[in-house]
Amino acid sequence: MKTTSRSVLVLSALASLGWSATTLAAPSRVGDIATTVVRFKDLDLSTADGAQKLYERISTAARIVCRDARYTEIRECRSRAVDDAVRAVGRPLLSSVHRSTLDRVEEVVLR
């Protein structure tokens, strides 16, 4: 997926939603795949702050896209959507924020 326009798609198996940095569009169906565009043209991904803000936007978009999933599938849907989006952006600091978040969740689960 090309991210040259400084946006990334967050995907799931539900309905299609539109997302921008500041507003949400009304849901609409496009097949059985949900996509949410997360724009980050306003962020500097070479800084920790910019990467953290994009990660928060991706996580929010994943929650929105996956909100209609069956209760037992919500976590998997969100996890897959965030993983795919972080991989698509392909920026080291964003990947680091993502790994850090996963490590904290894993630590809590192990306690």
Protein backbone atom coordinates (compact mmCIF):
# COMPACT_ATOMS: atom_id res chain seq x y z
CA MET A 1 0.00 0.00 0.00
CA LYS A 2 1.38 3.41 -0.91
CA THR A 3 1.47 5.99 1.86
CA THR A 4 3.00 8.80 -0.15
CA SER A 5 -0.10 10.92 0.42
CA ARG A 6 0.63 10.61 4.16
CA SER A 7 -2.38 8.51 5.00
CA VAL A 8 -2.89 4.87 5.87
CA LEU A 9 -5.85 2.51 5.68
CA VAL A 10 -6.99 0.63 8.76
CA LEU A 11 -8.85 -2.51 7.64
CA SER A 12 -11.34 -4.92 9.17
CA ALA A 13 -14.12 -7.24 8.01
CA LEU A 14 -17.10 -5.01 8.76
CA ALA A 15 -18.40 -1.81 7.10
CA SER A 16 -16.57 1.13 5.52
CA LEU A 17 -15.98 4.31 7.53
CA GLY A 18 -14.18 7.52 6.64
CA TRP A 19 -11.68 9.11 9.07
CA SER A 20 -9.63 12.24 8.97
CA ALA A 21 -7.40 13.78 11.58
CA THR A 22 -10.31 15.78 12.99
CA THR A 23 -13.64 14.38 11.78
CA LEU A 24 -15.43 11.10 11.19
CA ALA A 25 -17.66 10.38 8.22
CA ALA A 26 -20.90 8.45 8.43
CA PRO A 27 -20.59 4.68 7.95
CA SER A 28 -21.23 3.17 4.54
CA ARG A 29 -20.81 -0.38 3.21
CA VAL A 30 -18.23 -1.35 0.60
CA GLY A 31 -18.37 -5.12 0.31
CA ASP A 32 -17.46 -6.85 3.55
CA ILE A 33 -14.19 -5.01 4.21
CA ALA A 34 -14.07 -1.94 6.41
CA THR A 35 -11.53 0.72 5.66
CA THR A 36 -10.73 3.85 7.56
CA VAL A 37 -8.29 6.39 6.22
CA VAL A 38 -6.06 7.91 8.91
CA ARG A 39 -4.38 11.06 7.71
CA PHE A 40 -1.07 12.15 9.17
CA LYS A 41 0.17 14.88 6.86
CA ASP A 42 0.25 17.21 9.86
CA LEU A 43 2.58 14.93 11.87
CA ASP A 44 6.36 14.64 11.86
CA LEU A 45 6.97 10.89 12.11
CA SER A 46 10.68 11.42 12.72
CA THR A 47 9.79 12.50 16.28
CA ALA A 48 8.52 10.37 19.14
CA ASP A 49 5.60 12.76 19.66
CA GLY A 50 4.50 12.53 16.03
CA ALA A 51 4.74 8.72 16.03
CA GLN A 52 2.76 8.52 19.29
CA LYS A 53 0.01 10.78 17.93
CA LEU A 54 -0.29 8.70 14.75
CA TYR A 55 -0.43 5.51 16.82
CA GLU A 56 -3.30 7.01 18.85
CA ARG A 57 -5.15 7.90 15.63
CA ILE A 58 -4.63 4.38 14.25
CA SER A 59 -5.86 2.84 17.52
CA THR A 60 -8.94 5.06 17.54
CA ALA A 61 -9.68 4.19 13.93
CA ALA A 62 -9.33 0.47 14.72
CA ARG A 63 -11.82 0.81 17.60
CA ILE A 64 -14.29 2.54 15.27
CA VAL A 65 -13.86 0.05 12.42
CA CYS A 66 -14.17 -2.94 14.75
CA ARG A 67 -17.03 -1.70 16.92
CA ASP A 68 -19.61 -3.86 15.14
CA ALA A 69 -17.57 -7.06 15.34
CA ARG A 70 -18.87 -9.91 17.48
CA TYR A 71 -17.77 -9.50 21.08
CA THR A 72 -15.41 -12.47 20.85
CA GLU A 73 -13.71 -11.04 17.74
CA ILE A 74 -13.25 -7.37 18.73
CA ARG A 75 -9.74 -7.76 20.16
CA GLU A 76 -8.51 -9.74 17.17
CA CYS A 77 -10.07 -7.23 14.77
CA ARG A 78 -8.43 -4.26 16.50
CA SER A 79 -5.09 -6.00 16.80
CA ARG A 80 -5.03 -6.97 13.12
CA ALA A 81 -6.12 -3.49 12.01
CA VAL A 82 -3.43 -1.74 14.06
CA ASP A 83 -0.72 -4.26 13.04
CA ASP A 84 -1.55 -3.84 9.36
CA ALA A 85 -1.64 -0.04 9.55
CA VAL A 86 1.67 0.22 11.42
CA ARG A 87 3.28 -2.14 8.91
CA ALA A 88 1.86 -0.13 5.99
CA VAL A 89 3.31 3.15 7.28
CA GLY A 90 6.67 1.45 7.74
CA ARG A 91 8.26 4.07 10.01
CA PRO A 92 10.70 2.90 12.72
CA LEU A 93 9.43 5.17 15.51
CA LEU A 94 5.81 4.18 14.87
CA SER A 95 6.80 0.50 14.93
CA SER A 96 8.65 1.12 18.19
CA VAL A 97 5.57 2.74 19.78
CA HIS A 98 3.51 -0.25 18.65
CA ARG A 99 5.98 -2.81 20.06
CA SER A 100 6.13 -0.87 23.32
CA THR A 101 2.35 -0.95 23.63
CA LEU A 102 2.27 -4.68 22.90
CA ASP A 103 4.98 -5.32 25.50
CA ARG A 104 3.02 -3.44 28.19
CA VAL A 105 -0.15 -5.41 27.41
CA GLU A 106 1.76 -8.68 27.48
CA GLU A 107 3.33 -7.76 30.85
CA VAL A 108 -0.09 -7.06 32.39
CA VAL A 109 -1.49 -10.34 31.05
CA LEU A 110 1.43 -12.30 32.53
CA ARG A 111 0.88 -10.85 36.03
